[in-house]
């Protein structure tokens, strides 16, 4: 029987790399398999907590879910549910969301 450790060419399973989301700035934090599709819960890797108006640090306020169609994993269509954080600046009150544009352009439905 062959050895399945990293020196033999195997490593820990990594769904982020398997689904090729690391190049999109996303990280998989969960999965759900439904009869007709696979759903991957993702988060944006890069923080975006600095205010675009005044440059002060914002505080995380809440999150929004953005759904994107992704290339199928196997025979199942795959949907990405991307958690996008919203921030609020303590100094000027400006509210903004994390930038998920590496995964999809604004208002796009496909990753």
N, C-alpha and C. Protein backbone atom coordinates (compact mmCIF):
# COMPACT_ATOMS: atom_id res chain seq x y z
N UNK A 1 0.84 -1.18 0.00
CA UNK A 1 0.00 0.00 0.00
C UNK A 1 0.89 1.24 0.00
N UNK A 2 0.55 2.23 -0.83
CA UNK A 2 1.38 3.42 -0.93
C UNK A 2 1.05 4.40 0.19
N UNK A 3 2.02 5.24 0.49
CA UNK A 3 1.89 6.24 1.54
C UNK A 3 1.15 7.45 0.99
N UNK A 4 0.15 7.95 1.72
CA UNK A 4 -0.65 9.09 1.27
C UNK A 4 -0.30 10.35 2.04
N UNK A 5 0.96 10.52 2.39
CA UNK A 5 1.40 11.72 3.10
C UNK A 5 1.97 12.72 2.10
N UNK A 6 2.15 14.00 2.49
CA UNK A 6 2.63 15.01 1.55
C UNK A 6 3.90 14.65 0.78
N UNK A 7 4.92 13.99 1.37
CA UNK A 7 6.08 13.65 0.54
C UNK A 7 5.72 12.71 -0.62
N UNK A 8 4.63 11.97 -0.51
CA UNK A 8 4.22 11.07 -1.58
C UNK A 8 3.36 11.78 -2.62
N UNK A 9 3.16 13.10 -2.46
CA UNK A 9 2.39 13.85 -3.43
C UNK A 9 0.98 14.20 -2.99
N UNK A 10 0.60 13.80 -1.80
CA UNK A 10 -0.74 14.11 -1.30
C UNK A 10 -0.63 15.12 -0.17
N UNK A 11 -1.63 15.94 -0.05
CA UNK A 11 -1.70 16.90 1.05
C UNK A 11 -3.10 16.89 1.64
N UNK A 12 -3.34 17.82 2.57
CA UNK A 12 -4.67 17.94 3.17
C UNK A 12 -5.68 18.33 2.09
N UNK A 13 -6.89 17.84 2.17
CA UNK A 13 -7.91 18.25 1.22
C UNK A 13 -8.18 19.75 1.36
N UNK A 14 -8.29 20.43 0.25
CA UNK A 14 -8.51 21.87 0.24
C UNK A 14 -9.57 22.18 -0.81
N UNK A 15 -10.81 22.37 -0.36
CA UNK A 15 -11.92 22.63 -1.28
C UNK A 15 -11.75 23.96 -2.01
N UNK A 16 -11.10 24.93 -1.37
CA UNK A 16 -10.86 26.22 -2.02
C UNK A 16 -10.00 26.03 -3.27
N UNK A 17 -8.92 25.29 -3.15
CA UNK A 17 -8.04 25.04 -4.29
C UNK A 17 -8.72 24.12 -5.30
N UNK A 18 -9.45 23.11 -4.83
CA UNK A 18 -10.12 22.16 -5.72
C UNK A 18 -11.13 22.88 -6.62
N UNK A 19 -11.87 23.81 -6.05
CA UNK A 19 -12.87 24.56 -6.83
C UNK A 19 -12.26 25.76 -7.55
N UNK A 20 -10.95 25.94 -7.42
CA UNK A 20 -10.21 27.02 -8.06
C UNK A 20 -10.74 28.40 -7.67
N UNK A 21 -11.01 28.56 -6.38
CA UNK A 21 -11.51 29.83 -5.87
C UNK A 21 -10.40 30.70 -5.29
N UNK A 22 -9.23 30.11 -5.04
CA UNK A 22 -8.14 30.88 -4.46
C UNK A 22 -7.70 31.99 -5.40
N UNK A 23 -7.79 31.78 -6.70
CA UNK A 23 -7.46 32.82 -7.67
C UNK A 23 -8.52 33.90 -7.78
N UNK A 24 -9.69 33.65 -7.21
CA UNK A 24 -10.78 34.63 -7.24
C UNK A 24 -10.87 35.43 -5.95
N UNK A 25 -9.94 35.21 -5.04
CA UNK A 25 -9.95 35.94 -3.78
C UNK A 25 -11.00 35.44 -2.79
N UNK A 26 -11.42 34.18 -2.94
CA UNK A 26 -12.43 33.60 -2.06
C UNK A 26 -11.86 32.41 -1.32
N UNK A 27 -12.46 32.11 -0.18
CA UNK A 27 -12.10 30.94 0.61
C UNK A 27 -13.39 30.21 0.97
N UNK A 28 -13.41 28.90 0.80
CA UNK A 28 -14.60 28.10 1.13
C UNK A 28 -14.65 27.90 2.63
N UNK A 29 -15.81 28.20 3.23
CA UNK A 29 -15.99 28.02 4.67
C UNK A 29 -17.04 26.97 4.99
N UNK A 30 -17.72 26.46 3.96
CA UNK A 30 -18.72 25.42 4.17
C UNK A 30 -19.26 24.91 2.85
N UNK A 31 -19.93 23.78 2.92
CA UNK A 31 -20.53 23.20 1.71
C UNK A 31 -21.86 22.55 2.05
N UNK A 32 -22.74 22.52 1.07
CA UNK A 32 -24.02 21.85 1.21
C UNK A 32 -24.32 21.17 -0.12
N UNK A 33 -24.56 19.88 -0.08
CA UNK A 33 -24.90 19.14 -1.29
C UNK A 33 -26.40 18.94 -1.32
N UNK A 34 -27.04 19.46 -2.35
CA UNK A 34 -28.47 19.30 -2.55
C UNK A 34 -28.65 18.32 -3.70
N UNK A 35 -29.84 17.76 -3.86
CA UNK A 35 -30.04 16.77 -4.93
C UNK A 35 -29.71 17.31 -6.32
N UNK A 36 -29.94 18.60 -6.54
CA UNK A 36 -29.75 19.14 -7.89
C UNK A 36 -28.57 20.09 -8.02
N UNK A 37 -27.84 20.39 -6.94
CA UNK A 37 -26.71 21.31 -7.04
C UNK A 37 -25.81 21.21 -5.80
N UNK A 38 -24.63 21.76 -5.94
CA UNK A 38 -23.69 21.90 -4.82
C UNK A 38 -23.62 23.38 -4.47
N UNK A 39 -23.67 23.69 -3.19
CA UNK A 39 -23.59 25.07 -2.73
C UNK A 39 -22.35 25.20 -1.86
N UNK A 40 -21.49 26.15 -2.21
CA UNK A 40 -20.28 26.40 -1.44
C UNK A 40 -20.42 27.76 -0.76
N UNK A 41 -20.32 27.78 0.56
CA UNK A 41 -20.32 29.03 1.31
C UNK A 41 -18.89 29.57 1.28
N UNK A 42 -18.74 30.82 0.88
CA UNK A 42 -17.42 31.42 0.72
C UNK A 42 -17.35 32.75 1.44
N UNK A 43 -16.13 33.19 1.68
CA UNK A 43 -15.91 34.53 2.20
C UNK A 43 -14.82 35.19 1.37
N UNK A 44 -14.84 36.51 1.33
CA UNK A 44 -13.81 37.26 0.64
C UNK A 44 -12.57 37.25 1.53
N UNK A 45 -11.43 36.90 0.98
CA UNK A 45 -10.21 36.74 1.76
C UNK A 45 -9.65 38.07 2.22
N UNK A 46 -9.55 39.04 1.32
CA UNK A 46 -8.91 40.33 1.65
C UNK A 46 -9.84 41.21 2.47
N UNK A 47 -9.38 41.71 3.61
CA UNK A 47 -10.20 42.65 4.38
C UNK A 47 -10.27 43.98 3.64
N UNK A 48 -11.29 44.75 3.92
CA UNK A 48 -11.51 46.03 3.24
C UNK A 48 -12.08 47.02 4.25
N UNK A 49 -11.40 47.17 5.40
CA UNK A 49 -11.96 47.93 6.50
C UNK A 49 -11.61 49.41 6.51
N UNK A 50 -10.90 49.91 5.49
CA UNK A 50 -10.50 51.32 5.49
C UNK A 50 -11.48 52.14 4.66
N UNK A 51 -11.95 53.24 5.25
CA UNK A 51 -12.95 54.10 4.63
C UNK A 51 -12.42 54.71 3.33
N UNK A 52 -13.24 54.70 2.31
CA UNK A 52 -12.85 55.24 1.02
C UNK A 52 -12.98 56.77 0.97
N UNK A 53 -13.68 57.33 1.93
CA UNK A 53 -13.85 58.79 1.96
C UNK A 53 -12.77 59.48 2.79
N UNK A 54 -12.60 59.04 4.05
CA UNK A 54 -11.68 59.75 4.94
C UNK A 54 -10.44 58.94 5.31
N UNK A 55 -10.41 57.65 5.02
CA UNK A 55 -9.25 56.82 5.30
C UNK A 55 -9.20 56.22 6.69
N UNK A 56 -10.20 56.49 7.53
CA UNK A 56 -10.24 55.92 8.87
C UNK A 56 -10.65 54.45 8.81
N UNK A 57 -10.37 53.76 9.89
CA UNK A 57 -10.75 52.35 9.95
C UNK A 57 -12.23 52.22 10.30
N UNK A 58 -12.92 51.38 9.56
CA UNK A 58 -14.33 51.14 9.80
C UNK A 58 -14.54 49.91 10.67
N UNK A 59 -15.72 49.82 11.23
CA UNK A 59 -16.08 48.66 12.05
C UNK A 59 -17.05 47.79 11.26
N UNK A 60 -16.89 46.47 11.39
CA UNK A 60 -17.80 45.55 10.71
C UNK A 60 -19.21 45.80 11.22
N UNK A 61 -20.14 45.93 10.30
CA UNK A 61 -21.52 46.26 10.66
C UNK A 61 -22.43 45.04 10.53
N UNK A 62 -22.42 44.41 9.37
CA UNK A 62 -23.20 43.21 9.12
C UNK A 62 -22.67 42.56 7.85
N UNK A 63 -23.40 41.59 7.33
CA UNK A 63 -22.98 40.91 6.11
C UNK A 63 -24.13 40.82 5.13
N UNK A 64 -23.78 40.60 3.89
CA UNK A 64 -24.75 40.34 2.83
C UNK A 64 -24.28 39.09 2.09
N UNK A 65 -25.21 38.35 1.54
CA UNK A 65 -24.89 37.15 0.78
C UNK A 65 -25.04 37.46 -0.70
N UNK A 66 -24.02 37.14 -1.47
CA UNK A 66 -24.07 37.30 -2.92
C UNK A 66 -23.97 35.92 -3.54
N UNK A 67 -24.93 35.57 -4.39
CA UNK A 67 -24.96 34.25 -5.02
C UNK A 67 -24.43 34.33 -6.44
N UNK A 68 -23.50 33.43 -6.74
CA UNK A 68 -22.87 33.38 -8.06
C UNK A 68 -22.90 31.96 -8.59
N UNK A 69 -23.13 31.82 -9.87
CA UNK A 69 -23.01 30.52 -10.52
C UNK A 69 -21.52 30.27 -10.77
N UNK A 70 -21.09 29.03 -10.55
CA UNK A 70 -19.69 28.66 -10.74
C UNK A 70 -19.64 27.43 -11.63
N UNK A 71 -18.45 27.09 -12.11
CA UNK A 71 -18.33 25.90 -12.96
C UNK A 71 -18.73 24.66 -12.17
N UNK A 72 -19.36 23.71 -12.81
CA UNK A 72 -19.84 22.51 -12.10
C UNK A 72 -18.70 21.70 -11.49
N UNK A 73 -18.98 21.14 -10.32
CA UNK A 73 -18.07 20.18 -9.69
C UNK A 73 -18.69 18.80 -9.94
N UNK A 74 -18.09 18.05 -10.84
CA UNK A 74 -18.70 16.78 -11.23
C UNK A 74 -19.89 17.06 -12.13
N UNK A 75 -21.01 16.41 -11.86
CA UNK A 75 -22.20 16.58 -12.70
C UNK A 75 -23.16 17.60 -12.11
N UNK A 76 -22.87 18.13 -10.93
CA UNK A 76 -23.79 19.06 -10.28
C UNK A 76 -23.46 20.51 -10.62
N UNK A 77 -24.46 21.32 -10.92
CA UNK A 77 -24.22 22.76 -11.00
C UNK A 77 -23.74 23.25 -9.63
N UNK A 78 -22.89 24.25 -9.63
CA UNK A 78 -22.33 24.75 -8.39
C UNK A 78 -22.69 26.21 -8.20
N UNK A 79 -23.14 26.54 -7.00
CA UNK A 79 -23.49 27.91 -6.63
C UNK A 79 -22.57 28.35 -5.51
N UNK A 80 -22.03 29.56 -5.63
CA UNK A 80 -21.22 30.13 -4.57
C UNK A 80 -22.08 31.12 -3.79
N UNK A 81 -22.15 30.95 -2.50
CA UNK A 81 -22.82 31.93 -1.63
C UNK A 81 -21.70 32.69 -0.92
N UNK A 82 -21.41 33.88 -1.42
CA UNK A 82 -20.29 34.67 -0.94
C UNK A 82 -20.77 35.62 0.15
N UNK A 83 -20.16 35.51 1.32
CA UNK A 83 -20.46 36.40 2.43
C UNK A 83 -19.62 37.66 2.25
N UNK A 84 -20.29 38.80 2.08
CA UNK A 84 -19.63 40.08 1.88
C UNK A 84 -19.90 40.94 3.12
N UNK A 85 -18.84 41.36 3.80
CA UNK A 85 -19.01 42.18 5.00
C UNK A 85 -19.32 43.62 4.63
N UNK A 86 -20.12 44.25 5.49
CA UNK A 86 -20.38 45.68 5.36
C UNK A 86 -19.72 46.38 6.53
N UNK A 87 -19.14 47.52 6.25
CA UNK A 87 -18.42 48.30 7.25
C UNK A 87 -19.04 49.69 7.38
N UNK A 88 -18.82 50.30 8.54
CA UNK A 88 -19.25 51.68 8.77
C UNK A 88 -18.08 52.43 9.39
N UNK A 89 -17.80 53.61 8.85
CA UNK A 89 -16.72 54.44 9.36
C UNK A 89 -17.19 55.15 10.63
N UNK A 90 -16.38 55.07 11.68
CA UNK A 90 -16.73 55.73 12.95
C UNK A 90 -16.58 57.24 12.85
N UNK A 91 -15.72 57.74 11.95
CA UNK A 91 -15.48 59.17 11.85
C UNK A 91 -16.51 59.89 10.97
N UNK A 92 -16.71 59.42 9.74
CA UNK A 92 -17.59 60.15 8.82
C UNK A 92 -18.94 59.47 8.60
N UNK A 93 -19.11 58.23 9.08
CA UNK A 93 -20.39 57.54 8.95
C UNK A 93 -20.62 56.85 7.62
N UNK A 94 -19.65 56.89 6.74
CA UNK A 94 -19.78 56.24 5.43
C UNK A 94 -19.91 54.72 5.59
N UNK A 95 -20.77 54.10 4.79
CA UNK A 95 -20.99 52.65 4.83
C UNK A 95 -20.57 52.07 3.48
N UNK A 96 -19.83 50.96 3.50
CA UNK A 96 -19.40 50.31 2.27
C UNK A 96 -19.32 48.81 2.49
N UNK A 97 -19.21 48.08 1.37
CA UNK A 97 -19.08 46.62 1.40
C UNK A 97 -17.68 46.23 0.98
N UNK A 98 -17.28 45.02 1.38
CA UNK A 98 -16.03 44.45 0.89
C UNK A 98 -16.08 44.39 -0.63
N UNK A 99 -14.92 44.41 -1.23
CA UNK A 99 -14.83 44.39 -2.69
C UNK A 99 -14.66 42.96 -3.19
N UNK A 100 -15.73 42.32 -3.71
CA UNK A 100 -15.60 40.97 -4.25
C UNK A 100 -15.36 40.95 -5.76
N UNK A 101 -14.85 42.05 -6.33
CA UNK A 101 -14.74 42.14 -7.79
C UNK A 101 -13.73 41.17 -8.38
N UNK A 102 -12.84 40.60 -7.57
CA UNK A 102 -11.93 39.57 -8.11
C UNK A 102 -12.70 38.30 -8.46
N UNK A 103 -13.81 38.06 -7.77
CA UNK A 103 -14.64 36.88 -8.04
C UNK A 103 -15.64 37.15 -9.16
N UNK A 104 -16.23 38.34 -9.17
CA UNK A 104 -17.23 38.69 -10.18
C UNK A 104 -17.37 40.20 -10.22
N UNK A 105 -17.58 40.71 -11.40
CA UNK A 105 -17.82 42.14 -11.57
C UNK A 105 -19.10 42.55 -10.86
N UNK A 106 -19.27 43.82 -10.54
CA UNK A 106 -20.52 44.25 -9.91
C UNK A 106 -21.73 43.88 -10.76
N UNK A 107 -22.75 43.37 -10.10
CA UNK A 107 -24.03 42.95 -10.69
C UNK A 107 -23.91 41.71 -11.58
N UNK A 108 -22.75 41.07 -11.61
CA UNK A 108 -22.58 39.85 -12.40
C UNK A 108 -23.18 38.67 -11.65
N UNK A 109 -23.61 37.65 -12.38
CA UNK A 109 -24.17 36.44 -11.81
C UNK A 109 -23.25 35.24 -11.92
N UNK A 110 -22.15 35.39 -12.68
CA UNK A 110 -21.22 34.29 -12.90
C UNK A 110 -19.88 34.62 -12.29
N UNK A 111 -19.25 33.62 -11.68
CA UNK A 111 -17.90 33.82 -11.12
C UNK A 111 -16.88 33.80 -12.23
